[in-house]
């Protein structure tokens, strides 16, 4: 299958909402218990893209959306400005086809080009597929928070993984990341 990565657009929100809805209702990768509405997902999209963070779509040769990924601020305090968090979601039909890996690789490249130096993956439910995709991309394990989530009647762990982008911590930044304020 040929997979194309492109920037997400507002016209993609309905499919993004459905992919996320399935993950919320059936998976432990996100700790949300109720699926957000399309209006809420639009608000989240605008907040992320309004700060110049990349928000990407994977689609097949027919233009069907297979998944999405975005980078976002890890925390809002200024000292974290070179540190972003990734999020990757793949439709249930496209899992296991390499979509997540392609999205993550493109996201790392785009985020590094903004001047971000570190990225963290906060992997809910210690999802083995997500851990494997992040390991393949070069992320290192930096922590595990046991029983940090409670979903579907059981305690689940959160895995933290991190990767350096660009020059990482080898040099002092000479410029601020290319992020606009909302």
N, C-alpha and C. Protein backbone atom coordinates (compact mmCIF):
# COMPACT_ATOMS: atom_id res chain seq x y z
N UNK A 1 0.84 -1.18 0.00
CA UNK A 1 0.00 0.00 0.00
C UNK A 1 0.89 1.24 0.00
N UNK A 2 0.52 2.17 -0.83
CA UNK A 2 1.23 3.44 -0.90
C UNK A 2 0.62 4.39 0.13
N UNK A 3 1.46 4.97 0.98
CA UNK A 3 0.99 5.89 2.02
C UNK A 3 1.60 7.26 1.76
N UNK A 4 0.74 8.26 1.73
CA UNK A 4 1.19 9.64 1.53
C UNK A 4 0.94 10.41 2.81
N UNK A 5 1.91 11.22 3.20
CA UNK A 5 1.79 12.08 4.39
C UNK A 5 1.59 13.51 3.91
N UNK A 6 0.62 14.18 4.50
CA UNK A 6 0.35 15.59 4.15
C UNK A 6 -0.09 16.33 5.41
N UNK A 7 -0.13 17.65 5.30
CA UNK A 7 -0.64 18.47 6.40
C UNK A 7 -2.14 18.22 6.55
N UNK A 8 -2.58 18.16 7.78
CA UNK A 8 -4.01 18.03 8.06
C UNK A 8 -4.69 19.36 7.79
N UNK A 9 -5.98 19.29 7.49
CA UNK A 9 -6.78 20.49 7.24
C UNK A 9 -8.08 20.37 8.03
N UNK A 10 -8.75 21.49 8.21
CA UNK A 10 -10.03 21.48 8.91
C UNK A 10 -11.03 20.51 8.26
N UNK A 11 -10.93 20.32 6.98
CA UNK A 11 -11.84 19.39 6.29
C UNK A 11 -11.60 17.94 6.69
N UNK A 12 -10.50 17.66 7.37
CA UNK A 12 -10.19 16.30 7.83
C UNK A 12 -10.75 16.00 9.22
N UNK A 13 -11.28 17.01 9.90
CA UNK A 13 -11.66 16.86 11.30
C UNK A 13 -12.68 15.75 11.53
N UNK A 14 -13.63 15.56 10.65
CA UNK A 14 -14.64 14.52 10.89
C UNK A 14 -13.99 13.14 10.93
N UNK A 15 -13.04 12.87 10.04
CA UNK A 15 -12.36 11.57 10.04
C UNK A 15 -11.42 11.46 11.23
N UNK A 16 -10.70 12.54 11.54
CA UNK A 16 -9.83 12.55 12.73
C UNK A 16 -10.66 12.24 13.97
N UNK A 17 -11.82 12.86 14.08
CA UNK A 17 -12.70 12.64 15.23
C UNK A 17 -13.12 11.18 15.32
N UNK A 18 -13.43 10.56 14.20
CA UNK A 18 -13.84 9.15 14.20
C UNK A 18 -12.70 8.22 14.58
N UNK A 19 -11.50 8.49 14.07
CA UNK A 19 -10.33 7.67 14.43
C UNK A 19 -10.07 7.78 15.92
N UNK A 20 -10.12 9.00 16.44
CA UNK A 20 -9.87 9.19 17.87
C UNK A 20 -11.00 8.57 18.70
N UNK A 21 -12.23 8.72 18.24
CA UNK A 21 -13.38 8.15 18.94
C UNK A 21 -13.19 6.65 19.14
N UNK A 22 -12.79 5.96 18.09
CA UNK A 22 -12.56 4.51 18.18
C UNK A 22 -11.47 4.21 19.21
N UNK A 23 -10.41 5.01 19.23
CA UNK A 23 -9.33 4.80 20.20
C UNK A 23 -9.79 5.04 21.63
N UNK A 24 -10.61 6.06 21.83
CA UNK A 24 -11.13 6.36 23.17
C UNK A 24 -12.03 5.23 23.65
N UNK A 25 -12.93 4.77 22.79
CA UNK A 25 -13.94 3.80 23.19
C UNK A 25 -13.41 2.37 23.30
N UNK A 26 -12.33 2.06 22.57
CA UNK A 26 -11.87 0.67 22.51
C UNK A 26 -10.43 0.45 22.93
N UNK A 27 -9.68 1.50 23.17
CA UNK A 27 -8.27 1.33 23.49
C UNK A 27 -7.88 1.99 24.79
N UNK A 28 -6.64 1.69 25.22
CA UNK A 28 -6.11 2.31 26.43
C UNK A 28 -4.93 3.24 26.14
N UNK A 29 -4.73 3.54 24.85
CA UNK A 29 -3.67 4.46 24.47
C UNK A 29 -3.96 5.89 24.85
N UNK A 30 -5.23 6.22 24.98
CA UNK A 30 -5.63 7.53 25.49
C UNK A 30 -6.42 7.31 26.76
N UNK A 31 -6.26 8.17 27.70
CA UNK A 31 -6.96 8.02 28.98
C UNK A 31 -8.27 8.79 29.02
N UNK A 32 -8.69 9.35 27.90
CA UNK A 32 -10.03 9.94 27.87
C UNK A 32 -11.04 8.81 27.98
N UNK A 33 -12.11 9.07 28.70
CA UNK A 33 -13.14 8.05 28.88
C UNK A 33 -14.35 8.28 27.99
N UNK A 34 -14.55 9.51 27.55
CA UNK A 34 -15.63 9.84 26.64
C UNK A 34 -15.04 10.50 25.40
N UNK A 35 -15.51 10.07 24.25
CA UNK A 35 -14.99 10.61 22.99
C UNK A 35 -15.41 12.06 22.82
N UNK A 36 -14.47 12.94 22.53
CA UNK A 36 -14.81 14.35 22.30
C UNK A 36 -15.60 14.54 21.01
N UNK A 37 -16.36 15.60 20.99
CA UNK A 37 -17.16 15.95 19.81
C UNK A 37 -16.27 16.50 18.70
N UNK A 38 -16.85 16.61 17.52
CA UNK A 38 -16.14 17.23 16.40
C UNK A 38 -15.81 18.69 16.70
N UNK A 39 -16.68 19.35 17.42
CA UNK A 39 -16.42 20.75 17.81
C UNK A 39 -15.19 20.82 18.71
N UNK A 40 -15.11 19.92 19.68
CA UNK A 40 -13.94 19.90 20.58
C UNK A 40 -12.68 19.54 19.82
N UNK A 41 -12.76 18.58 18.91
CA UNK A 41 -11.58 18.20 18.13
C UNK A 41 -11.14 19.34 17.22
N UNK A 42 -12.07 20.12 16.72
CA UNK A 42 -11.73 21.30 15.91
C UNK A 42 -10.99 22.31 16.78
N UNK A 43 -11.47 22.51 17.98
CA UNK A 43 -10.82 23.44 18.91
C UNK A 43 -9.39 22.99 19.21
N UNK A 44 -9.20 21.72 19.45
CA UNK A 44 -7.86 21.18 19.73
C UNK A 44 -6.96 21.34 18.51
N UNK A 45 -7.48 21.05 17.33
CA UNK A 45 -6.73 21.21 16.08
C UNK A 45 -6.27 22.66 15.92
N UNK A 46 -7.18 23.59 16.11
CA UNK A 46 -6.85 25.01 15.97
C UNK A 46 -5.81 25.46 17.00
N UNK A 47 -5.89 24.95 18.22
CA UNK A 47 -4.92 25.31 19.25
C UNK A 47 -3.52 24.83 18.87
N UNK A 48 -3.43 23.62 18.34
CA UNK A 48 -2.12 23.06 17.98
C UNK A 48 -1.56 23.74 16.73
N UNK A 49 -2.34 23.82 15.69
CA UNK A 49 -1.84 24.42 14.45
C UNK A 49 -1.67 25.93 14.59
N UNK A 50 -2.42 26.55 15.49
CA UNK A 50 -2.29 27.98 15.75
C UNK A 50 -0.97 28.34 16.39
N UNK A 51 -0.29 27.35 16.94
CA UNK A 51 1.04 27.57 17.53
C UNK A 51 2.15 27.09 16.60
N UNK A 52 1.78 26.70 15.38
CA UNK A 52 2.73 26.28 14.34
C UNK A 52 3.26 24.86 14.54
N UNK A 53 2.68 24.09 15.43
CA UNK A 53 3.08 22.69 15.56
C UNK A 53 2.54 21.90 14.38
N UNK A 54 3.28 20.89 13.91
CA UNK A 54 2.79 20.10 12.78
C UNK A 54 1.64 19.18 13.17
N UNK A 55 0.70 19.05 12.27
CA UNK A 55 -0.45 18.16 12.41
C UNK A 55 -0.58 17.47 11.06
N UNK A 56 -0.33 16.18 11.02
CA UNK A 56 -0.18 15.45 9.77
C UNK A 56 -1.24 14.38 9.57
N UNK A 57 -1.50 14.07 8.33
CA UNK A 57 -2.45 13.03 7.92
C UNK A 57 -1.70 12.00 7.09
N UNK A 58 -2.04 10.73 7.28
CA UNK A 58 -1.59 9.66 6.38
C UNK A 58 -2.80 9.22 5.58
N UNK A 59 -2.61 9.13 4.27
CA UNK A 59 -3.70 8.67 3.42
C UNK A 59 -3.20 7.67 2.40
N UNK A 60 -4.10 6.83 1.92
CA UNK A 60 -3.73 5.85 0.91
C UNK A 60 -3.81 6.47 -0.49
N UNK A 61 -3.53 5.66 -1.50
CA UNK A 61 -3.49 6.17 -2.88
C UNK A 61 -4.84 6.69 -3.36
N UNK A 62 -5.92 6.32 -2.67
CA UNK A 62 -7.25 6.80 -3.04
C UNK A 62 -7.69 8.00 -2.22
N UNK A 63 -6.83 8.46 -1.34
CA UNK A 63 -7.15 9.62 -0.51
C UNK A 63 -7.87 9.29 0.78
N UNK A 64 -8.03 8.01 1.09
CA UNK A 64 -8.67 7.62 2.36
C UNK A 64 -7.70 7.88 3.51
N UNK A 65 -8.18 8.52 4.55
CA UNK A 65 -7.34 8.84 5.70
C UNK A 65 -7.14 7.59 6.55
N UNK A 66 -5.88 7.28 6.81
CA UNK A 66 -5.50 6.08 7.56
C UNK A 66 -5.11 6.39 9.00
N UNK A 67 -4.70 7.63 9.26
CA UNK A 67 -4.27 8.01 10.59
C UNK A 67 -3.81 9.45 10.60
N UNK A 68 -3.46 9.90 11.79
CA UNK A 68 -2.98 11.27 11.95
C UNK A 68 -1.99 11.34 13.09
N UNK A 69 -1.19 12.39 13.08
CA UNK A 69 -0.20 12.60 14.14
C UNK A 69 0.02 14.10 14.30
N UNK A 70 0.37 14.49 15.51
CA UNK A 70 0.69 15.89 15.74
C UNK A 70 1.67 16.02 16.89
N UNK A 71 2.36 17.14 16.87
CA UNK A 71 3.22 17.52 17.99
C UNK A 71 2.50 18.64 18.73
N UNK A 72 2.75 18.70 20.02
CA UNK A 72 2.13 19.75 20.83
C UNK A 72 3.08 20.08 21.98
N UNK A 73 2.82 21.20 22.65
CA UNK A 73 3.68 21.54 23.79
C UNK A 73 3.58 20.46 24.86
N UNK A 74 4.71 20.11 25.45
CA UNK A 74 4.68 19.16 26.56
C UNK A 74 4.07 19.82 27.79
N UNK A 75 4.50 21.01 28.08
CA UNK A 75 3.97 21.84 29.16
C UNK A 75 4.03 23.28 28.69
N UNK A 76 3.31 24.16 29.38
CA UNK A 76 3.23 25.56 28.94
C UNK A 76 4.33 26.45 29.52
N UNK A 77 5.04 26.00 30.50
CA UNK A 77 6.10 26.84 31.08
C UNK A 77 7.21 27.07 30.06
N UNK A 78 7.76 28.28 30.06
CA UNK A 78 8.70 28.72 29.02
C UNK A 78 9.94 27.84 28.90
N UNK A 79 10.43 27.29 29.98
CA UNK A 79 11.63 26.47 29.91
C UNK A 79 11.42 25.20 29.09
N UNK A 80 10.18 24.80 28.88
CA UNK A 80 9.86 23.62 28.06
C UNK A 80 9.72 23.94 26.57
N UNK A 81 10.05 25.14 26.14
CA UNK A 81 9.76 25.57 24.77
C UNK A 81 10.52 24.76 23.70
N UNK A 82 11.57 24.04 24.07
CA UNK A 82 12.30 23.22 23.10
C UNK A 82 11.91 21.74 23.20
N UNK A 83 10.83 21.47 23.89
CA UNK A 83 10.42 20.10 24.21
C UNK A 83 8.95 19.92 23.81
N UNK A 84 8.68 18.96 22.95
CA UNK A 84 7.31 18.72 22.48
C UNK A 84 6.89 17.28 22.78
N UNK A 85 5.59 17.06 22.74
CA UNK A 85 5.01 15.72 22.91
C UNK A 85 4.39 15.30 21.59
N UNK A 86 4.52 14.03 21.26
CA UNK A 86 3.89 13.53 20.04
C UNK A 86 2.62 12.77 20.36
N UNK A 87 1.72 12.74 19.39
CA UNK A 87 0.51 11.93 19.44
C UNK A 87 0.32 11.31 18.07
N UNK A 88 0.08 10.00 18.03
CA UNK A 88 -0.11 9.28 16.78
C UNK A 88 -1.32 8.36 16.94
N UNK A 89 -2.25 8.47 16.00
CA UNK A 89 -3.45 7.62 16.01
C UNK A 89 -3.67 7.05 14.61
N UNK A 90 -3.91 5.75 14.55
CA UNK A 90 -4.11 5.05 13.29
C UNK A 90 -5.49 4.39 13.32
N UNK A 91 -6.20 4.45 12.20
CA UNK A 91 -7.52 3.82 12.15
C UNK A 91 -7.39 2.32 12.41
N UNK A 92 -8.41 1.74 12.97
CA UNK A 92 -8.36 0.32 13.31
C UNK A 92 -8.07 -0.54 12.07
N UNK A 93 -8.56 -0.14 10.91
CA UNK A 93 -8.37 -0.90 9.67
C UNK A 93 -6.93 -0.83 9.15
N UNK A 94 -6.20 0.20 9.54
CA UNK A 94 -4.85 0.41 8.99
C UNK A 94 -3.74 0.03 9.97
N UNK A 95 -4.08 -0.44 11.14
CA UNK A 95 -3.04 -0.81 12.11
C UNK A 95 -2.22 -1.99 11.60
N UNK A 96 -0.93 -1.94 11.86
CA UNK A 96 -0.04 -3.01 11.45
C UNK A 96 0.47 -2.88 10.02
N UNK A 97 0.15 -1.78 9.35
CA UNK A 97 0.55 -1.59 7.95
C UNK A 97 1.70 -0.59 7.79
N UNK A 98 2.26 -0.12 8.90
CA UNK A 98 3.36 0.84 8.83
C UNK A 98 2.93 2.29 8.81
N UNK A 99 1.65 2.54 8.97
CA UNK A 99 1.14 3.91 8.93
C UNK A 99 1.69 4.73 10.09
N UNK A 100 1.66 4.18 11.30
CA UNK A 100 2.15 4.90 12.47
C UNK A 100 3.62 5.26 12.34
N UNK A 101 4.43 4.35 11.82
CA UNK A 101 5.86 4.61 11.64
C UNK A 101 6.10 5.74 10.64
N UNK A 102 5.35 5.73 9.54
CA UNK A 102 5.51 6.80 8.54
C UNK A 102 5.08 8.15 9.11
N UNK A 103 3.98 8.16 9.83
CA UNK A 103 3.53 9.40 10.46
C UNK A 103 4.56 9.91 11.45
N UNK A 104 5.07 9.02 12.30
CA UNK A 104 6.02 9.44 13.33
C UNK A 104 7.31 9.95 12.71
N UNK A 105 7.82 9.28 11.70
CA UNK A 105 9.05 9.76 11.03
C UNK A 105 8.86 11.16 10.45
N UNK A 106 7.74 11.37 9.79
CA UNK A 106 7.47 12.70 9.22
C UNK A 106 7.30 13.74 10.32
N UNK A 107 6.64 13.35 11.40
CA UNK A 107 6.42 14.28 12.51
C UNK A 107 7.74 14.68 13.16
N UNK A 108 8.64 13.74 13.34
CA UNK A 108 9.94 14.04 13.93
C UNK A 108 10.71 15.04 13.07
N UNK A 109 10.70 14.82 11.78
CA UNK A 109 11.40 15.71 10.86
C UNK A 109 10.81 17.12 10.89
N UNK A 110 9.50 17.21 10.81
CA UNK A 110 8.83 18.52 10.80
C UNK A 110 9.04 19.25 12.12
N UNK A 111 8.96 18.53 13.23
CA UNK A 111 9.11 19.16 14.53
C UNK A 111 10.54 19.65 14.73
N UNK A 112 11.51 18.86 14.31
CA UNK A 112 12.92 19.28 14.41
C UNK A 112 13.17 20.54 13.59
N UNK A 113 12.52 20.65 12.44
CA UNK A 113 12.74 21.83 11.58
C UNK A 113 12.25 23.12 12.22
N UNK A 114 11.42 23.01 13.25
CA UNK A 114 10.94 24.19 13.97
C UNK A 114 11.92 24.66 15.04
N UNK A 115 12.94 23.86 15.30
CA UNK A 115 13.89 24.20 16.36
C UNK A 115 13.61 23.50 17.67
N UNK A 116 12.66 22.59 17.68
CA UNK A 116 12.40 21.80 18.88
C UNK A 116 13.54 20.81 19.03
N UNK A 117 14.05 20.62 20.25
CA UNK A 117 15.23 19.79 20.47
C UNK A 117 14.94 18.43 21.10
N UNK A 118 13.79 18.26 21.72
CA UNK A 118 13.46 16.99 22.37
C UNK A 118 11.99 16.68 22.13
N UNK A 119 11.67 15.40 22.04
CA UNK A 119 10.26 15.00 21.95
C UNK A 119 10.03 13.86 22.92
N UNK A 120 8.89 13.89 23.56
CA UNK A 120 8.49 12.84 24.49
C UNK A 120 7.25 12.15 23.95
N UNK A 121 7.18 10.85 24.18
CA UNK A 121 5.98 10.06 23.90
C UNK A 121 5.45 9.63 25.26
N UNK A 122 4.22 9.98 25.54
CA UNK A 122 3.55 9.57 26.77
C UNK A 122 2.56 8.50 26.33
N UNK A 123 2.94 7.24 26.52
CA UNK A 123 2.22 6.12 25.94
C UNK A 123 1.28 5.48 26.96
N UNK A 124 0.02 5.79 26.80
CA UNK A 124 -1.00 5.27 27.70
C UNK A 124 -1.15 3.78 27.55
N UNK A 125 -1.39 3.13 28.68
CA UNK A 125 -1.60 1.69 28.68
C UNK A 125 -0.38 0.89 28.32
N UNK A 126 0.78 1.55 28.28
CA UNK A 126 2.03 0.89 27.88
C UNK A 126 1.81 0.10 26.59
N UNK A 127 1.02 0.68 25.68
CA UNK A 127 0.62 0.05 24.42
C UNK A 127 1.82 -0.53 23.68
N UNK A 128 1.91 -1.87 23.57
CA UNK A 128 3.08 -2.49 22.95
C UNK A 128 3.34 -2.06 21.51
N UNK A 129 2.28 -1.86 20.72
CA UNK A 129 2.47 -1.43 19.33
C UNK A 129 3.06 -0.03 19.28
N UNK A 130 2.57 0.86 20.14
CA UNK A 130 3.09 2.23 20.17
C UNK A 130 4.53 2.24 20.67
N UNK A 131 4.82 1.46 21.69
CA UNK A 131 6.20 1.36 22.20
C UNK A 131 7.12 0.90 21.07
N UNK A 132 6.71 -0.13 20.32
CA UNK A 132 7.54 -0.66 19.24
C UNK A 132 7.78 0.38 18.14
N UNK A 133 6.75 1.13 17.77
CA UNK A 133 6.90 2.16 16.73
C UNK A 133 7.87 3.23 17.20
N UNK A 134 7.76 3.63 18.46
CA UNK A 134 8.66 4.66 18.99
C UNK A 134 10.10 4.14 19.12
N UNK A 135 10.27 2.90 19.55
CA UNK A 135 11.62 2.31 19.61
C UNK A 135 12.25 2.29 18.21
N UNK A 136 11.48 1.89 17.22
CA UNK A 136 11.98 1.83 15.83
C UNK A 136 12.42 3.21 15.35
N UNK A 137 11.73 4.25 15.80
CA UNK A 137 12.07 5.63 15.40
C UNK A 137 13.27 6.18 16.17
N UNK A 138 13.74 5.46 17.19
CA UNK A 138 14.90 5.91 17.95
C UNK A 138 14.61 6.44 19.34
N UNK A 139 13.36 6.41 19.76
CA UNK A 139 13.03 6.84 21.12
C UNK A 139 13.64 5.89 22.13
N UNK A 140 14.03 6.43 23.27
CA UNK A 140 14.57 5.64 24.38
C UNK A 140 13.59 5.66 25.54
N UNK A 141 13.54 4.57 26.27
CA UNK A 141 12.69 4.51 27.47
C UNK A 141 13.29 5.41 28.55
N UNK A 142 12.47 6.27 29.11
CA UNK A 142 12.94 7.15 30.18
C UNK A 142 12.10 7.02 31.45
N UNK A 143 11.05 6.22 31.39
CA UNK A 143 10.27 6.03 32.62
C UNK A 143 9.01 5.24 32.40
N UNK A 144 8.50 4.76 33.51
CA UNK A 144 7.24 4.03 33.52
C UNK A 144 6.50 4.46 34.78
N UNK A 145 5.26 4.82 34.62
CA UNK A 145 4.43 5.21 35.76
C UNK A 145 3.38 4.12 35.97
N UNK A 146 3.63 3.24 36.92
CA UNK A 146 2.70 2.14 37.16
C UNK A 146 1.33 2.63 37.64
N UNK A 147 0.30 1.93 37.19
CA UNK A 147 -1.07 2.18 37.63
C UNK A 147 -1.43 3.66 37.60
N UNK A 148 -1.03 4.36 36.55
CA UNK A 148 -1.27 5.80 36.45
C UNK A 148 -2.60 6.13 35.78
N UNK A 149 -3.20 5.14 35.15
CA UNK A 149 -4.50 5.33 34.54
C UNK A 149 -5.45 4.23 34.97
N UNK A 150 -6.74 4.54 34.97
CA UNK A 150 -7.75 3.53 35.30
C UNK A 150 -8.81 3.59 34.22
N UNK A 151 -8.85 2.54 33.40
CA UNK A 151 -9.77 2.51 32.27
C UNK A 151 -10.25 1.08 32.06
N UNK A 152 -11.49 0.95 31.70
CA UNK A 152 -12.11 -0.36 31.47
C UNK A 152 -11.99 -1.28 32.68
N UNK A 153 -12.07 -0.67 33.87
CA UNK A 153 -12.08 -1.45 35.10
C UNK A 153 -10.73 -1.98 35.56
N UNK A 154 -9.66 -1.44 35.00
CA UNK A 154 -8.33 -1.90 35.45
C UNK A 154 -7.31 -0.77 35.44
N UNK A 155 -6.29 -0.95 36.28
CA UNK A 155 -5.18 -0.01 36.32
C UNK A 155 -4.26 -0.28 35.14
N UNK A 156 -3.79 0.79 34.51
CA UNK A 156 -2.86 0.66 33.39
C UNK A 156 -1.66 1.57 33.60
N UNK A 157 -0.53 1.14 33.08
CA UNK A 157 0.72 1.88 33.20
C UNK A 157 0.87 2.88 32.06
N UNK A 158 1.69 3.88 32.29
CA UNK A 158 2.08 4.84 31.27
C UNK A 158 3.58 4.71 31.06
N UNK A 159 4.00 4.61 29.81
CA UNK A 159 5.41 4.53 29.45
C UNK A 159 5.83 5.89 28.90
N UNK A 160 6.99 6.36 29.34
CA UNK A 160 7.57 7.61 28.83
C UNK A 160 8.79 7.26 27.98
N UNK A 161 8.82 7.81 26.77
CA UNK A 161 9.95 7.61 25.86
C UNK A 161 10.35 8.97 25.32
N UNK A 162 11.64 9.12 25.00
CA UNK A 162 12.15 10.42 24.57
C UNK A 162 13.17 10.25 23.47
N UNK A 163 13.21 11.25 22.58
CA UNK A 163 14.21 11.28 21.52
C UNK A 163 14.74 12.70 21.38
N UNK A 164 16.03 12.81 21.06
CA UNK A 164 16.61 14.11 20.76
C UNK A 164 16.34 14.42 19.29
N UNK A 165 16.05 15.69 19.03
CA UNK A 165 15.83 16.16 17.66
C UNK A 165 16.93 17.15 17.30
N UNK A 166 17.34 17.13 16.05
CA UNK A 166 18.37 18.08 15.62
C UNK A 166 19.63 17.91 16.45
N UNK A 167 20.11 19.01 16.99
CA UNK A 167 21.32 18.97 17.81
C UNK A 167 21.04 18.54 19.25
N UNK A 168 19.78 18.32 19.56
CA UNK A 168 19.44 17.87 20.91
C UNK A 168 20.01 18.79 21.96
N UNK A 169 20.63 18.19 22.97
CA UNK A 169 21.22 18.95 24.07
C UNK A 169 22.72 19.18 23.88
N UNK A 170 23.23 18.88 22.67
CA UNK A 170 24.66 19.05 22.42
C UNK A 170 25.09 20.50 22.31
N UNK A 171 24.17 21.38 21.96
CA UNK A 171 24.51 22.79 21.81
C UNK A 171 23.45 23.65 22.50
N UNK A 172 23.82 24.88 22.76
CA UNK A 172 22.87 25.85 23.30
C UNK A 172 22.11 26.46 22.12
N UNK A 173 20.78 26.50 22.18
CA UNK A 173 20.03 27.10 21.07
C UNK A 173 20.39 28.57 20.86
N UNK A 174 20.49 28.95 19.61
CA UNK A 174 20.77 30.36 19.29
C UNK A 174 19.52 31.08 18.84
N UNK A 175 18.42 30.34 18.68
CA UNK A 175 17.15 30.95 18.28
C UNK A 175 16.01 30.25 19.01
N UNK A 176 14.94 30.96 19.13
CA UNK A 176 13.72 30.39 19.73
C UNK A 176 13.07 29.46 18.72
N UNK A 177 12.33 28.46 19.18
CA UNK A 177 11.59 27.62 18.22
C UNK A 177 10.64 28.48 17.40
N UNK A 178 10.37 28.06 16.19
CA UNK A 178 9.51 28.79 15.26
C UNK A 178 8.04 28.50 15.57
N UNK A 179 7.60 28.98 16.73
CA UNK A 179 6.23 28.74 17.17
C UNK A 179 5.54 30.06 17.38
N UNK A 180 4.38 30.21 16.76
CA UNK A 180 3.58 31.43 16.94
C UNK A 180 2.71 31.27 18.17
N UNK A 181 2.42 32.36 18.79
CA UNK A 181 1.47 32.35 19.91
C UNK A 181 0.07 32.50 19.35
N UNK A 182 -0.89 31.89 20.01
CA UNK A 182 -2.29 32.00 19.57
C UNK A 182 -2.78 33.40 19.86
